Amino acid sequence: MHLIRRGDPHLAVRSSEGLTTVELYGELDLVLVQRVRPELDVLAREAAALAVDLRHVTFCDASGLGLLVRCAQRVRERGAVWRLTCDQPMILRLVRLAGLDDVLRPSPPGVPAPPDPPPEGDGPPAPRAGLPGRLPV
């Protein structure tokens, strides 16, 4: 396994045994999102398993969360494996406050991500506990 710098100091990709890992560096804001979105879109379409590592990200805003949600949904829609590695308390708090734990399912380094929940019936998703009438993101 080797780390491949993609000509961008904020993105590195490595592949090993069917797992593609993307390491992001710096501030995951609108500027960085616009720079790395094309590469992440390709990887979300093609990787058998995609892990995004945020251990080197020092800041994340709503556009960063949006990019991560987009990747997670695209990976899962085609039945591939998604993993988000994060040990940054502020980013984990942002994910939790935005109600995106179930979508992004962050896990600390070295801890396997929990398995995807089984698909529910064909009806609309049930409201979240504690948030009456609000549907999951």
C-alpha atoms as a PDB file:
ATOM      1  CA  MET A   1       0.000   0.000   0.000  1.00  0.00           C
ATOM      2  CA  HIS A   2       1.337   3.424  -0.834  1.00  0.00           C
ATOM      3  CA  LEU A   3       0.194   7.003  -0.520  1.00  0.00           C
ATOM      4  CA  ILE A   4      -0.379   8.832  -3.782  1.00  0.00           C
ATOM      5  CA  ARG A   5      -0.334  12.621  -3.746  1.00  0.00           C
ATOM      6  CA  ARG A   6      -2.677  13.840  -6.453  1.00  0.00           C
ATOM      7  CA  GLY A   7      -1.005  17.166  -7.197  1.00  0.00           C
ATOM      8  CA  ASP A   8      -3.001  18.764  -4.412  1.00  0.00           C
ATOM      9  CA  PRO A   9      -1.421  19.242  -0.978  1.00  0.00           C
ATOM     10  CA  HIS A  10      -4.849  18.736   0.619  1.00  0.00           C
ATOM     11  CA  LEU A  11      -5.577  15.272  -0.806  1.00  0.00           C
ATOM     12  CA  ALA A  12      -3.788  11.931  -0.796  1.00  0.00           C
ATOM     13  CA  VAL A  13      -5.159   8.589  -1.991  1.00  0.00           C
ATOM     14  CA  ARG A  14      -3.979   5.064  -1.326  1.00  0.00           C
ATOM     15  CA  SER A  15      -5.371   1.674  -2.260  1.00  0.00           C
ATOM     16  CA  SER A  16      -4.800  -1.707  -0.721  1.00  0.00           C
ATOM     17  CA  GLU A  17      -6.731  -4.963  -0.947  1.00  0.00           C
ATOM     18  CA  GLY A  18      -9.855  -3.370  -2.422  1.00  0.00           C
ATOM     19  CA  LEU A  19      -9.981  -0.435   0.005  1.00  0.00           C
ATOM     20  CA  THR A  20      -9.351   3.076  -1.300  1.00  0.00           C
ATOM     21  CA  THR A  21      -8.468   5.590   1.404  1.00  0.00           C
ATOM     22  CA  VAL A  22      -8.629   9.335   0.863  1.00  0.00           C
ATOM     23  CA  GLU A  23      -6.759  11.488   3.371  1.00  0.00           C
ATOM     24  CA  LEU A  24      -7.811  15.124   3.481  1.00  0.00           C
ATOM     25  CA  TYR A  25      -5.607  17.885   4.918  1.00  0.00           C
ATOM     26  CA  GLY A  26      -6.356  21.424   6.066  1.00  0.00           C
ATOM     27  CA  GLU A  27      -9.717  23.134   6.301  1.00  0.00           C
ATOM     28  CA  LEU A  28     -12.659  21.357   4.690  1.00  0.00           C
ATOM     29  CA  ASP A  29     -14.442  24.523   3.620  1.00  0.00           C
ATOM     30  CA  LEU A  30     -16.009  25.712   0.364  1.00  0.00           C
ATOM     31  CA  VAL A  31     -12.620  26.373  -1.262  1.00  0.00           C
ATOM     32  CA  LEU A  32     -11.256  22.896  -0.514  1.00  0.00           C
ATOM     33  CA  VAL A  33     -14.570  21.222  -1.351  1.00  0.00           C
ATOM     34  CA  GLN A  34     -14.475  22.742  -4.840  1.00  0.00           C
ATOM     35  CA  ARG A  35     -10.904  21.495  -5.313  1.00  0.00           C
ATOM     36  CA  VAL A  36     -11.414  17.896  -4.162  1.00  0.00           C
ATOM     37  CA  ARG A  37     -15.029  17.215  -5.222  1.00  0.00           C
ATOM     38  CA  PRO A  38     -14.158  15.983  -8.746  1.00  0.00           C
ATOM     39  CA  GLU A  39     -11.681  13.410  -7.414  1.00  0.00           C
ATOM     40  CA  LEU A  40     -13.997  12.262  -4.636  1.00  0.00           C
ATOM     41  CA  ASP A  41     -16.876  11.928  -7.096  1.00  0.00           C
ATOM     42  CA  VAL A  42     -14.782   9.603  -9.272  1.00  0.00           C
ATOM     43  CA  LEU A  43     -13.700   7.531  -6.277  1.00  0.00           C
ATOM     44  CA  ALA A  44     -17.280   7.352  -4.957  1.00  0.00           C
ATOM     45  CA  ARG A  45     -18.363   5.969  -8.347  1.00  0.00           C
ATOM     46  CA  GLU A  46     -15.529   3.479  -8.779  1.00  0.00           C
ATOM     47  CA  ALA A  47     -14.026   2.297  -5.473  1.00  0.00           C
ATOM     48  CA  ALA A  48     -15.170  -1.071  -4.140  1.00  0.00           C
ATOM     49  CA  ALA A  49     -14.715   0.365  -0.644  1.00  0.00           C
ATOM     50  CA  LEU A  50     -14.054   4.028   0.133  1.00  0.00           C
ATOM     51  CA  ALA A  51     -12.647   5.369   3.387  1.00  0.00           C
ATOM     52  CA  VAL A  52     -12.293   9.085   3.986  1.00  0.00           C
ATOM     53  CA  ASP A  53      -9.795  10.015   6.690  1.00  0.00           C
ATOM     54  CA  LEU A  54     -10.330  13.389   8.381  1.00  0.00           C
ATOM     55  CA  ARG A  55      -7.601  13.095  11.034  1.00  0.00           C
ATOM     56  CA  HIS A  56      -5.631  15.914   9.369  1.00  0.00           C
ATOM     57  CA  VAL A  57      -8.627  18.213   8.834  1.00  0.00           C
ATOM     58  CA  THR A  58      -8.582  21.171  11.229  1.00  0.00           C
ATOM     59  CA  PHE A  59     -11.950  22.708  10.315  1.00  0.00           C
ATOM     60  CA  CYS A  60     -15.139  21.646   8.555  1.00  0.00           C
ATOM     61  CA  ASP A  61     -18.106  23.779   7.502  1.00  0.00           C
ATOM     62  CA  ALA A  62     -21.499  22.972   5.988  1.00  0.00           C
ATOM     63  CA  SER A  63     -20.059  22.605   2.488  1.00  0.00           C
ATOM     64  CA  GLY A  64     -17.575  20.042   3.837  1.00  0.00           C
ATOM     65  CA  LEU A  65     -20.372  18.108   5.506  1.00  0.00           C
ATOM     66  CA  GLY A  66     -22.353  18.266   2.269  1.00  0.00           C
ATOM     67  CA  LEU A  67     -19.452  16.773   0.325  1.00  0.00           C
ATOM     68  CA  LEU A  68     -19.096  13.933   2.825  1.00  0.00           C
ATOM     69  CA  VAL A  69     -22.833  13.197   2.747  1.00  0.00           C
ATOM     70  CA  ARG A  70     -22.786  13.199  -1.059  1.00  0.00           C
ATOM     71  CA  CYS A  71     -19.888  10.718  -1.103  1.00  0.00           C
ATOM     72  CA  ALA A  72     -21.420   8.447   1.528  1.00  0.00           C
ATOM     73  CA  GLN A  73     -24.759   8.309  -0.273  1.00  0.00           C
ATOM     74  CA  ARG A  74     -23.203   7.631  -3.680  1.00  0.00           C
ATOM     75  CA  VAL A  75     -20.976   4.880  -2.323  1.00  0.00           C
ATOM     76  CA  ARG A  76     -23.830   3.154  -0.506  1.00  0.00           C
ATOM     77  CA  GLU A  77     -26.306   3.556  -3.392  1.00  0.00           C
ATOM     78  CA  ARG A  78     -24.173   1.236  -5.475  1.00  0.00           C
ATOM     79  CA  GLY A  79     -23.650  -1.236  -2.639  1.00  0.00           C
ATOM     80  CA  ALA A  80     -20.032  -0.362  -1.885  1.00  0.00           C
ATOM     81  CA  VAL A  81     -18.525   0.039   1.582  1.00  0.00           C
ATOM     82  CA  TRP A  82     -18.258   3.519   3.155  1.00  0.00           C
ATOM     83  CA  ARG A  83     -16.077   4.471   6.100  1.00  0.00           C
ATOM     84  CA  LEU A  84     -15.349   7.848   7.675  1.00  0.00           C
ATOM     85  CA  THR A  85     -12.392   8.044  10.054  1.00  0.00           C
ATOM     86  CA  CYS A  86     -12.323  11.048  12.341  1.00  0.00           C
ATOM     87  CA  ASP A  87     -10.784  11.806  15.718  1.00  0.00           C
ATOM     88  CA  GLN A  88     -11.387  15.570  15.663  1.00  0.00           C
ATOM     89  CA  PRO A  89     -13.820  16.455  18.509  1.00  0.00           C
ATOM     90  CA  MET A  90     -15.082  19.624  16.812  1.00  0.00           C
ATOM     91  CA  ILE A  91     -15.858  17.811  13.562  1.00  0.00           C
ATOM     92  CA  LEU A  92     -17.510  14.914  15.394  1.00  0.00           C
ATOM     93  CA  ARG A  93     -19.615  17.423  17.315  1.00  0.00           C
ATOM     94  CA  LEU A  94     -20.622  19.164  14.079  1.00  0.00           C
ATOM     95  CA  VAL A  95     -21.670  15.814  12.567  1.00  0.00           C
ATOM     96  CA  ARG A  96     -23.704  15.023  15.679  1.00  0.00           C
ATOM     97  CA  LEU A  97     -25.345  18.486  15.856  1.00  0.00           C
ATOM     98  CA  ALA A  98     -26.266  18.299  12.173  1.00  0.00           C
ATOM     99  CA  GLY A  99     -27.945  14.930  12.800  1.00  0.00           C
ATOM    100  CA  LEU A 100     -25.652  13.174  10.324  1.00  0.00           C
ATOM    101  CA  ASP A 101     -24.334  10.349  12.523  1.00  0.00           C
ATOM    102  CA  ASP A 102     -26.517   7.793  10.743  1.00  0.00           C
ATOM    103  CA  VAL A 103     -25.443   8.992   7.296  1.00  0.00           C
ATOM    104  CA  LEU A 104     -21.717   9.546   7.827  1.00  0.00           C
ATOM    105  CA  ARG A 105     -21.192   7.027  10.661  1.00  0.00           C
ATOM    106  CA  PRO A 106     -17.788   8.350  11.765  1.00  0.00           C
ATOM    107  CA  SER A 107     -15.469   6.055  13.673  1.00  0.00           C
ATOM    108  CA  PRO A 108     -12.151   6.651  15.411  1.00  0.00           C
ATOM    109  CA  PRO A 109      -8.929   5.433  13.785  1.00  0.00           C
ATOM    110  CA  GLY A 110      -8.402   1.701  14.158  1.00  0.00           C
ATOM    111  CA  VAL A 111     -12.042   0.977  15.018  1.00  0.00           C
ATOM    112  CA  PRO A 112     -14.071  -0.721  12.298  1.00  0.00           C
ATOM    113  CA  ALA A 113     -17.140   1.163  11.160  1.00  0.00           C
ATOM    114  CA  PRO A 114     -20.431  -0.319  12.328  1.00  0.00           C
ATOM    115  CA  PRO A 115     -22.274  -2.323   9.665  1.00  0.00           C
ATOM    116  CA  ASP A 116     -24.916  -0.570   7.582  1.00  0.00           C
ATOM    117  CA  PRO A 117     -28.402  -1.036   9.019  1.00  0.00           C
ATOM    118  CA  PRO A 118     -30.697  -3.329   7.030  1.00  0.00           C
ATOM    119  CA  PRO A 119     -32.982  -1.537   4.573  1.00  0.00           C
ATOM    120  CA  GLU A 120     -36.387  -0.693   5.965  1.00  0.00           C
ATOM    121  CA  GLY A 121     -39.740  -1.189   4.227  1.00  0.00           C
ATOM    122  CA  ASP A 122     -40.889   0.790   1.215  1.00  0.00           C
ATOM    123  CA  GLY A 123     -42.606   3.502   3.275  1.00  0.00           C
ATOM    124  CA  PRO A 124     -41.126   6.864   4.276  1.00  0.00           C
ATOM    125  CA  PRO A 125     -38.526   6.909   7.038  1.00  0.00           C
ATOM    126  CA  ALA A 126     -39.795   7.236  10.585  1.00  0.00           C
ATOM    127  CA  PRO A 127     -39.163  10.507  12.435  1.00  0.00           C
ATOM    128  CA  ARG A 128     -36.138  10.563  14.731  1.00  0.00           C
ATOM    129  CA  ALA A 129     -36.702  10.214  18.429  1.00  0.00           C
ATOM    130  CA  GLY A 130     -36.686  13.585  20.152  1.00  0.00           C
ATOM    131  CA  LEU A 131     -37.267  15.497  16.909  1.00  0.00           C
ATOM    132  CA  PRO A 132     -41.018  15.260  16.289  1.00  0.00           C
ATOM    133  CA  GLY A 133     -41.975  15.397  12.661  1.00  0.00           C
ATOM    134  CA  ARG A 134     -38.409  15.737  11.383  1.00  0.00           C
ATOM    135  CA  LEU A 135     -37.191  13.197   8.879  1.00  0.00           C
ATOM    136  CA  PRO A 136     -33.583  11.962   8.819  1.00  0.00           C
ATOM    137  CA  VAL A 137     -31.248  13.673   6.383  1.00  0.00           C
END
